[in-house]
Amino acid sequence: MTTVEHRPTVLFVCVHNAGRSQMAAGFLRELGGGRVEVRSAGSAPGNMLNPTAAEAMAEVGIDITDQHPTILTPDTVETSDVVITMGCGDACPIFPGKRYEDWALEDPAGQGIDAVRAIRDDIRARIHELLTSLSVATNPNASTTSAEDAS
């Protein structure tokens, strides 16, 4: 008899869902190797992905250009195991029994590539910590370049 393992669901939330949350989702998809369901949404989604965030992620081998800002819904929060907010304030609904974390990250909107690289590298380190806390091993086949090599 085989046991079906529960895949944790992680939701990243920021205001515009165009930079921070998209970078975090990209790292978790890559480093989680399919062992985590990844979602991202915004309390007031922007019109498009932040091109500088996409450029910074491409430097480490992750393409997020196919992602689009998505509106945050209560159902998305309710059906997630872990909700990580990034500066969306009180816009994120709270449901009992969910794990919430708030990552204080600078907003990459309007920032140059050097500032966005620093935000990207901070997010990558936090994703490694998140995977450890979820007891999910980092994907050994992840195609990401180390942050040090990219900067």
N, C-alpha and C. Protein backbone atom coordinates (compact mmCIF):
# COMPACT_ATOMS: atom_id res chain seq x y z
N MET A 1 0.84 -1.18 0.00
CA MET A 1 0.00 0.00 0.00
C MET A 1 0.88 1.24 0.00
N THR A 2 0.65 2.13 -0.93
CA THR A 2 1.45 3.35 -0.99
C THR A 2 0.74 4.49 -0.28
N THR A 3 1.55 5.33 0.33
CA THR A 3 1.02 6.50 1.02
C THR A 3 1.18 7.71 0.10
N VAL A 4 0.11 8.45 -0.04
CA VAL A 4 0.17 9.67 -0.84
C VAL A 4 0.65 10.80 0.07
N GLU A 5 1.76 11.41 -0.31
CA GLU A 5 2.29 12.51 0.47
C GLU A 5 1.55 13.79 0.17
N HIS A 6 1.30 14.56 1.22
CA HIS A 6 0.65 15.86 1.06
C HIS A 6 1.66 16.85 0.50
N ARG A 7 1.30 17.50 -0.59
CA ARG A 7 2.13 18.56 -1.15
C ARG A 7 1.67 19.86 -0.52
N PRO A 8 2.53 20.53 0.26
CA PRO A 8 2.11 21.80 0.85
C PRO A 8 1.84 22.84 -0.24
N THR A 9 0.87 23.70 0.03
CA THR A 9 0.52 24.78 -0.88
C THR A 9 0.98 26.08 -0.26
N VAL A 10 1.80 26.83 -1.01
CA VAL A 10 2.34 28.10 -0.53
C VAL A 10 1.82 29.22 -1.44
N LEU A 11 1.29 30.26 -0.81
CA LEU A 11 0.78 31.43 -1.51
C LEU A 11 1.64 32.64 -1.16
N PHE A 12 2.17 33.30 -2.18
CA PHE A 12 2.93 34.54 -2.00
C PHE A 12 2.02 35.70 -2.38
N VAL A 13 1.92 36.70 -1.49
CA VAL A 13 1.03 37.83 -1.72
C VAL A 13 1.79 39.14 -1.57
N CYS A 14 1.69 39.99 -2.59
CA CYS A 14 2.16 41.37 -2.47
C CYS A 14 1.12 42.25 -3.15
N VAL A 15 1.29 43.53 -3.11
CA VAL A 15 0.27 44.44 -3.62
C VAL A 15 0.01 44.22 -5.11
N HIS A 16 1.05 44.36 -5.93
CA HIS A 16 0.85 44.33 -7.38
C HIS A 16 1.06 42.96 -8.02
N ASN A 17 1.61 42.00 -7.26
CA ASN A 17 1.87 40.66 -7.79
C ASN A 17 2.66 40.74 -9.09
N ALA A 18 3.62 41.65 -9.12
CA ALA A 18 4.40 41.87 -10.34
C ALA A 18 5.89 41.73 -10.13
N GLY A 19 6.35 41.68 -8.88
CA GLY A 19 7.78 41.63 -8.60
C GLY A 19 8.14 40.62 -7.53
N ARG A 20 8.06 41.03 -6.27
CA ARG A 20 8.48 40.19 -5.14
C ARG A 20 7.81 38.82 -5.13
N SER A 21 6.49 38.82 -5.18
CA SER A 21 5.76 37.55 -5.09
C SER A 21 6.04 36.67 -6.31
N GLN A 22 6.23 37.28 -7.47
CA GLN A 22 6.52 36.50 -8.68
C GLN A 22 7.93 35.91 -8.61
N MET A 23 8.90 36.67 -8.08
CA MET A 23 10.25 36.13 -7.92
C MET A 23 10.24 34.97 -6.92
N ALA A 24 9.53 35.15 -5.81
CA ALA A 24 9.46 34.09 -4.79
C ALA A 24 8.81 32.84 -5.36
N ALA A 25 7.73 33.02 -6.10
CA ALA A 25 7.05 31.86 -6.71
C ALA A 25 7.98 31.16 -7.70
N GLY A 26 8.72 31.94 -8.48
CA GLY A 26 9.66 31.35 -9.44
C GLY A 26 10.72 30.52 -8.75
N PHE A 27 11.30 31.04 -7.68
CA PHE A 27 12.30 30.28 -6.93
C PHE A 27 11.70 29.02 -6.33
N LEU A 28 10.50 29.14 -5.74
CA LEU A 28 9.91 27.96 -5.09
C LEU A 28 9.54 26.89 -6.11
N ARG A 29 9.03 27.29 -7.26
CA ARG A 29 8.74 26.30 -8.31
C ARG A 29 10.02 25.56 -8.71
N GLU A 30 11.10 26.30 -8.91
CA GLU A 30 12.36 25.70 -9.35
C GLU A 30 13.01 24.88 -8.24
N LEU A 31 13.17 25.47 -7.08
CA LEU A 31 13.89 24.80 -5.99
C LEU A 31 13.06 23.72 -5.30
N GLY A 32 11.73 23.85 -5.37
CA GLY A 32 10.85 22.85 -4.77
C GLY A 32 10.67 21.62 -5.64
N GLY A 33 11.03 21.72 -6.90
CA GLY A 33 11.00 20.56 -7.80
C GLY A 33 9.67 19.85 -7.89
N GLY A 34 8.56 20.59 -7.84
CA GLY A 34 7.25 19.98 -7.95
C GLY A 34 6.71 19.39 -6.66
N ARG A 35 7.46 19.50 -5.57
CA ARG A 35 7.02 18.95 -4.29
C ARG A 35 6.21 19.94 -3.47
N VAL A 36 6.00 21.15 -4.02
CA VAL A 36 5.22 22.19 -3.36
C VAL A 36 4.31 22.80 -4.42
N GLU A 37 3.04 23.00 -4.08
CA GLU A 37 2.15 23.74 -4.98
C GLU A 37 2.38 25.22 -4.72
N VAL A 38 2.66 25.96 -5.80
CA VAL A 38 3.05 27.36 -5.68
C VAL A 38 1.98 28.25 -6.28
N ARG A 39 1.61 29.29 -5.52
CA ARG A 39 0.64 30.28 -5.96
C ARG A 39 1.17 31.67 -5.66
N SER A 40 0.70 32.65 -6.42
CA SER A 40 0.99 34.04 -6.08
C SER A 40 -0.18 34.89 -6.50
N ALA A 41 -0.39 35.99 -5.77
CA ALA A 41 -1.51 36.87 -6.05
C ALA A 41 -1.22 38.25 -5.47
N GLY A 42 -2.03 39.22 -5.88
CA GLY A 42 -1.86 40.58 -5.40
C GLY A 42 -3.16 41.17 -4.91
N SER A 43 -3.06 42.05 -3.92
CA SER A 43 -4.25 42.72 -3.40
C SER A 43 -4.76 43.77 -4.38
N ALA A 44 -3.88 44.32 -5.19
CA ALA A 44 -4.23 45.27 -6.25
C ALA A 44 -3.30 44.99 -7.43
N PRO A 45 -3.53 43.90 -8.17
CA PRO A 45 -2.59 43.46 -9.20
C PRO A 45 -2.26 44.53 -10.24
N GLY A 46 -1.00 44.55 -10.64
CA GLY A 46 -0.56 45.46 -11.68
C GLY A 46 -1.00 44.97 -13.04
N ASN A 47 -0.64 45.74 -14.05
CA ASN A 47 -1.01 45.39 -15.43
C ASN A 47 -0.08 44.37 -16.05
N MET A 48 1.18 44.32 -15.54
CA MET A 48 2.16 43.42 -16.14
C MET A 48 3.26 43.10 -15.14
N LEU A 49 4.00 42.08 -15.44
CA LEU A 49 5.15 41.68 -14.64
C LEU A 49 6.21 42.77 -14.68
N ASN A 50 6.89 42.98 -13.57
CA ASN A 50 7.99 43.95 -13.52
C ASN A 50 9.13 43.43 -14.39
N PRO A 51 9.48 44.14 -15.48
CA PRO A 51 10.51 43.62 -16.38
C PRO A 51 11.89 43.51 -15.72
N THR A 52 12.19 44.35 -14.75
CA THR A 52 13.48 44.27 -14.07
C THR A 52 13.53 43.03 -13.18
N ALA A 53 12.41 42.68 -12.56
CA ALA A 53 12.34 41.45 -11.77
C ALA A 53 12.55 40.24 -12.68
N ALA A 54 11.92 40.26 -13.85
CA ALA A 54 12.08 39.15 -14.80
C ALA A 54 13.53 39.05 -15.26
N GLU A 55 14.17 40.20 -15.50
CA GLU A 55 15.57 40.21 -15.92
C GLU A 55 16.48 39.63 -14.83
N ALA A 56 16.23 40.04 -13.58
CA ALA A 56 17.04 39.54 -12.47
C ALA A 56 16.88 38.03 -12.29
N MET A 57 15.69 37.53 -12.49
CA MET A 57 15.46 36.09 -12.37
C MET A 57 16.11 35.34 -13.53
N ALA A 58 16.05 35.91 -14.71
CA ALA A 58 16.69 35.27 -15.88
C ALA A 58 18.19 35.11 -15.65
N GLU A 59 18.79 36.05 -14.92
CA GLU A 59 20.22 35.96 -14.64
C GLU A 59 20.59 34.71 -13.84
N VAL A 60 19.62 34.18 -13.08
CA VAL A 60 19.89 32.96 -12.30
C VAL A 60 19.18 31.75 -12.90
N GLY A 61 18.78 31.87 -14.16
CA GLY A 61 18.25 30.72 -14.88
C GLY A 61 16.78 30.43 -14.69
N ILE A 62 16.01 31.39 -14.19
CA ILE A 62 14.58 31.16 -13.99
C ILE A 62 13.80 32.16 -14.85
N ASP A 63 12.95 31.63 -15.72
CA ASP A 63 12.14 32.45 -16.59
C ASP A 63 10.76 32.62 -15.97
N ILE A 64 10.42 33.86 -15.59
CA ILE A 64 9.09 34.13 -15.04
C ILE A 64 8.25 34.97 -16.00
N THR A 65 8.72 35.13 -17.23
CA THR A 65 8.02 36.02 -18.18
C THR A 65 6.65 35.51 -18.59
N ASP A 66 6.34 34.24 -18.31
CA ASP A 66 5.02 33.73 -18.64
C ASP A 66 4.00 33.95 -17.52
N GLN A 67 4.42 34.58 -16.43
CA GLN A 67 3.54 34.84 -15.30
C GLN A 67 2.82 36.17 -15.46
N HIS A 68 1.64 36.26 -14.86
CA HIS A 68 0.83 37.48 -14.96
C HIS A 68 0.27 37.82 -13.58
N PRO A 69 0.21 39.11 -13.24
CA PRO A 69 -0.41 39.49 -11.96
C PRO A 69 -1.84 38.96 -11.85
N THR A 70 -2.16 38.43 -10.67
CA THR A 70 -3.44 37.79 -10.40
C THR A 70 -4.05 38.40 -9.15
N ILE A 71 -5.37 38.54 -9.14
CA ILE A 71 -6.07 39.10 -7.98
C ILE A 71 -6.12 38.08 -6.83
N LEU A 72 -5.92 38.56 -5.63
CA LEU A 72 -6.02 37.74 -4.43
C LEU A 72 -7.49 37.51 -4.11
N THR A 73 -7.85 36.26 -3.86
CA THR A 73 -9.22 35.94 -3.46
C THR A 73 -9.19 35.23 -2.11
N PRO A 74 -10.26 35.36 -1.33
CA PRO A 74 -10.31 34.64 -0.05
C PRO A 74 -10.14 33.13 -0.23
N ASP A 75 -10.69 32.57 -1.32
CA ASP A 75 -10.57 31.13 -1.56
C ASP A 75 -9.11 30.70 -1.75
N THR A 76 -8.33 31.54 -2.43
CA THR A 76 -6.92 31.21 -2.64
C THR A 76 -6.19 31.15 -1.30
N VAL A 77 -6.52 32.07 -0.41
CA VAL A 77 -5.90 32.06 0.92
C VAL A 77 -6.38 30.84 1.70
N GLU A 78 -7.68 30.62 1.70
CA GLU A 78 -8.26 29.54 2.49
C GLU A 78 -7.74 28.16 2.09
N THR A 79 -7.43 27.97 0.81
CA THR A 79 -6.98 26.67 0.34
C THR A 79 -5.46 26.54 0.29
N SER A 80 -4.75 27.48 0.89
CA SER A 80 -3.29 27.42 0.98
C SER A 80 -2.88 27.01 2.38
N ASP A 81 -1.75 26.30 2.48
CA ASP A 81 -1.23 25.90 3.79
C ASP A 81 -0.40 27.00 4.41
N VAL A 82 0.39 27.67 3.58
CA VAL A 82 1.28 28.73 4.04
C VAL A 82 1.00 29.97 3.20
N VAL A 83 0.83 31.11 3.88
CA VAL A 83 0.58 32.38 3.21
C VAL A 83 1.71 33.33 3.59
N ILE A 84 2.45 33.76 2.59
CA ILE A 84 3.57 34.66 2.83
C ILE A 84 3.23 36.01 2.22
N THR A 85 3.12 37.01 3.08
CA THR A 85 2.80 38.35 2.62
C THR A 85 4.07 39.18 2.50
N MET A 86 4.01 40.11 1.58
CA MET A 86 5.17 40.96 1.28
C MET A 86 4.70 42.39 1.11
N GLY A 87 4.27 43.00 2.19
CA GLY A 87 3.90 44.40 2.12
C GLY A 87 2.49 44.68 1.67
N CYS A 88 1.56 43.71 1.81
CA CYS A 88 0.19 43.99 1.38
C CYS A 88 -0.69 44.45 2.53
N GLY A 89 -0.11 44.63 3.70
CA GLY A 89 -0.85 45.17 4.83
C GLY A 89 -2.01 44.29 5.25
N ASP A 90 -3.14 44.93 5.50
CA ASP A 90 -4.31 44.22 6.01
C ASP A 90 -5.18 43.63 4.90
N ALA A 91 -4.75 43.70 3.66
CA ALA A 91 -5.58 43.25 2.54
C ALA A 91 -5.72 41.73 2.49
N CYS A 92 -4.85 41.00 3.16
CA CYS A 92 -4.87 39.54 3.10
C CYS A 92 -5.83 39.00 4.16
N PRO A 93 -6.85 38.23 3.75
CA PRO A 93 -7.77 37.66 4.73
C PRO A 93 -7.06 36.66 5.64
N ILE A 94 -7.51 36.58 6.87
CA ILE A 94 -6.92 35.68 7.86
C ILE A 94 -7.90 34.53 8.13
N PHE A 95 -7.40 33.30 8.00
CA PHE A 95 -8.20 32.12 8.29
C PHE A 95 -7.49 31.32 9.38
N PRO A 96 -8.23 30.84 10.37
CA PRO A 96 -7.62 30.04 11.44
C PRO A 96 -6.95 28.79 10.87
N GLY A 97 -5.84 28.42 11.48
CA GLY A 97 -5.15 27.20 11.11
C GLY A 97 -4.17 27.34 9.96
N LYS A 98 -4.05 28.52 9.41
CA LYS A 98 -3.09 28.75 8.33
C LYS A 98 -1.79 29.26 8.93
N ARG A 99 -0.72 28.95 8.28
CA ARG A 99 0.58 29.48 8.68
C ARG A 99 0.82 30.76 7.89
N TYR A 100 1.02 31.86 8.59
CA TYR A 100 1.26 33.16 7.95
C TYR A 100 2.67 33.63 8.29
N GLU A 101 3.33 34.17 7.28
CA GLU A 101 4.62 34.83 7.48
C GLU A 101 4.58 36.15 6.73
N ASP A 102 5.23 37.15 7.28
CA ASP A 102 5.34 38.42 6.58
C ASP A 102 6.82 38.66 6.31
N TRP A 103 7.18 38.70 5.05
CA TRP A 103 8.56 38.94 4.65
C TRP A 103 8.70 40.42 4.33
N ALA A 104 9.46 41.12 5.16
CA ALA A 104 9.70 42.55 4.94
C ALA A 104 10.76 42.68 3.84
N LEU A 105 10.28 42.92 2.64
CA LEU A 105 11.16 43.04 1.48
C LEU A 105 10.91 44.37 0.80
N GLU A 106 11.96 44.98 0.33
CA GLU A 106 11.82 46.22 -0.41
C GLU A 106 11.06 45.94 -1.71
N ASP A 107 10.25 46.88 -2.13
CA ASP A 107 9.49 46.74 -3.37
C ASP A 107 10.41 47.02 -4.55
N PRO A 108 10.50 46.09 -5.52
CA PRO A 108 11.38 46.31 -6.66
C PRO A 108 10.83 47.31 -7.69
N ALA A 109 9.58 47.73 -7.54
CA ALA A 109 8.98 48.67 -8.50
C ALA A 109 9.82 49.94 -8.59
N GLY A 110 10.20 50.29 -9.81
CA GLY A 110 10.96 51.51 -10.04
C GLY A 110 12.43 51.43 -9.68
N GLN A 111 12.90 50.28 -9.24
CA GLN A 111 14.30 50.10 -8.82
C GLN A 111 15.14 49.68 -10.02
N GLY A 112 16.42 49.98 -9.95
CA GLY A 112 17.37 49.52 -10.96
C GLY A 112 17.74 48.07 -10.74
N ILE A 113 18.43 47.50 -11.69
CA ILE A 113 18.77 46.08 -11.65
C ILE A 113 19.62 45.70 -10.43
N ASP A 114 20.54 46.57 -10.00
CA ASP A 114 21.36 46.23 -8.83
C ASP A 114 20.51 46.08 -7.57
N ALA A 115 19.56 46.97 -7.37
CA ALA A 115 18.67 46.88 -6.20
C ALA A 115 17.79 45.64 -6.30
N VAL A 116 17.30 45.33 -7.50
CA VAL A 116 16.43 44.17 -7.68
C VAL A 116 17.22 42.88 -7.47
N ARG A 117 18.49 42.86 -7.87
CA ARG A 117 19.32 41.67 -7.60
C ARG A 117 19.43 41.40 -6.10
N ALA A 118 19.59 42.45 -5.31
CA ALA A 118 19.70 42.29 -3.85
C ALA A 118 18.39 41.73 -3.29
N ILE A 119 17.26 42.23 -3.78
CA ILE A 119 15.95 41.71 -3.35
C ILE A 119 15.82 40.25 -3.76
N ARG A 120 16.19 39.95 -5.00
CA ARG A 120 16.14 38.57 -5.52
C ARG A 120 16.95 37.63 -4.64
N ASP A 121 18.16 38.03 -4.29
CA ASP A 121 19.03 37.18 -3.49
C ASP A 121 18.48 36.96 -2.09
N ASP A 122 17.84 37.99 -1.52
CA ASP A 122 17.20 37.88 -0.22
C ASP A 122 16.05 36.87 -0.31
N ILE A 123 15.27 36.97 -1.37
CA ILE A 123 14.14 36.05 -1.56
C ILE A 123 14.65 34.62 -1.70
N ARG A 124 15.70 34.42 -2.48
CA ARG A 124 16.24 33.07 -2.67
C ARG A 124 16.64 32.45 -1.33
N ALA A 125 17.31 33.21 -0.47
CA ALA A 125 17.72 32.70 0.84
C ALA A 125 16.49 32.33 1.67
N ARG A 126 15.46 33.16 1.61
CA ARG A 126 14.23 32.88 2.37
C ARG A 126 13.52 31.63 1.83
N ILE A 127 13.59 31.40 0.52
CA ILE A 127 12.96 30.20 -0.06
C ILE A 127 13.68 28.95 0.44
N HIS A 128 15.00 29.00 0.53
CA HIS A 128 15.74 27.85 1.08
C HIS A 128 15.28 27.57 2.51
N GLU A 129 15.13 28.62 3.32
CA GLU A 129 14.66 28.45 4.71
C GLU A 129 13.24 27.91 4.73
N LEU A 130 12.39 28.39 3.83
CA LEU A 130 11.01 27.91 3.76
C LEU A 130 10.97 26.43 3.43
N LEU A 131 11.74 26.01 2.44
CA LEU A 131 11.79 24.59 2.07
C LEU A 131 12.22 23.73 3.26
N THR A 132 13.22 24.18 3.99
CA THR A 132 13.68 23.45 5.17
C THR A 132 12.55 23.35 6.20
N SER A 133 11.85 24.46 6.44
CA SER A 133 10.77 24.45 7.43
C SER A 133 9.61 23.56 7.01
N LEU A 134 9.44 23.35 5.70
CA LEU A 134 8.39 22.47 5.19
C LEU A 134 8.86 21.03 5.05
N SER A 135 10.12 20.77 5.42
CA SER A 135 10.74 19.45 5.28
C SER A 135 10.73 18.98 3.84
N VAL A 136 10.98 19.92 2.92
CA VAL A 136 11.07 19.63 1.50
C VAL A 136 12.52 19.87 1.08
N ALA A 137 13.16 18.84 0.55
CA ALA A 137 14.55 18.98 0.11
C ALA A 137 14.60 19.87 -1.13
N THR A 138 15.66 20.65 -1.22
CA THR A 138 15.87 21.48 -2.41
C THR A 138 16.10 20.58 -3.61
N ASN A 139 15.48 20.90 -4.70
CA ASN A 139 15.60 20.14 -5.94
C ASN A 139 17.07 20.10 -6.37
N PRO A 140 17.68 18.91 -6.40
CA PRO A 140 19.09 18.82 -6.79
C PRO A 140 19.30 19.14 -8.27
N ASN A 141 18.24 19.11 -9.06
CA ASN A 141 18.34 19.39 -10.49
C ASN A 141 17.95 20.83 -10.84
N ALA A 142 17.80 21.68 -9.82
CA ALA A 142 17.41 23.07 -10.07
C ALA A 142 18.42 23.71 -10.99
N SER A 143 17.91 24.44 -11.95
CA SER A 143 18.79 25.05 -12.96
C SER A 143 19.29 26.42 -12.55
N THR A 144 19.03 26.82 -11.32
CA THR A 144 19.41 28.17 -10.92
C THR A 144 20.91 28.30 -10.75
N THR A 145 21.41 29.42 -11.19
CA THR A 145 22.79 29.79 -10.98
C THR A 145 22.86 30.36 -9.57
N SER A 146 23.96 30.17 -8.89
CA SER A 146 24.05 30.73 -7.55
C SER A 146 23.97 32.25 -7.64
N ALA A 147 23.42 32.84 -6.61
CA ALA A 147 23.27 34.29 -6.59
C ALA A 147 24.62 34.98 -6.69
N GLU A 148 25.62 34.37 -6.09
CA GLU A 148 26.95 34.98 -6.13
C GLU A 148 27.49 35.03 -7.57
N ASP A 149 27.21 33.98 -8.34
CA ASP A 149 27.70 33.94 -9.72
C ASP A 149 27.00 34.97 -10.60
N ALA A 150 25.74 35.27 -10.25
CA ALA A 150 24.94 36.17 -11.09
C ALA A 150 25.24 37.63 -10.84
N SER A 151 25.75 37.96 -9.68
CA SER A 151 25.92 39.37 -9.34
C SER A 151 27.24 39.93 -9.77
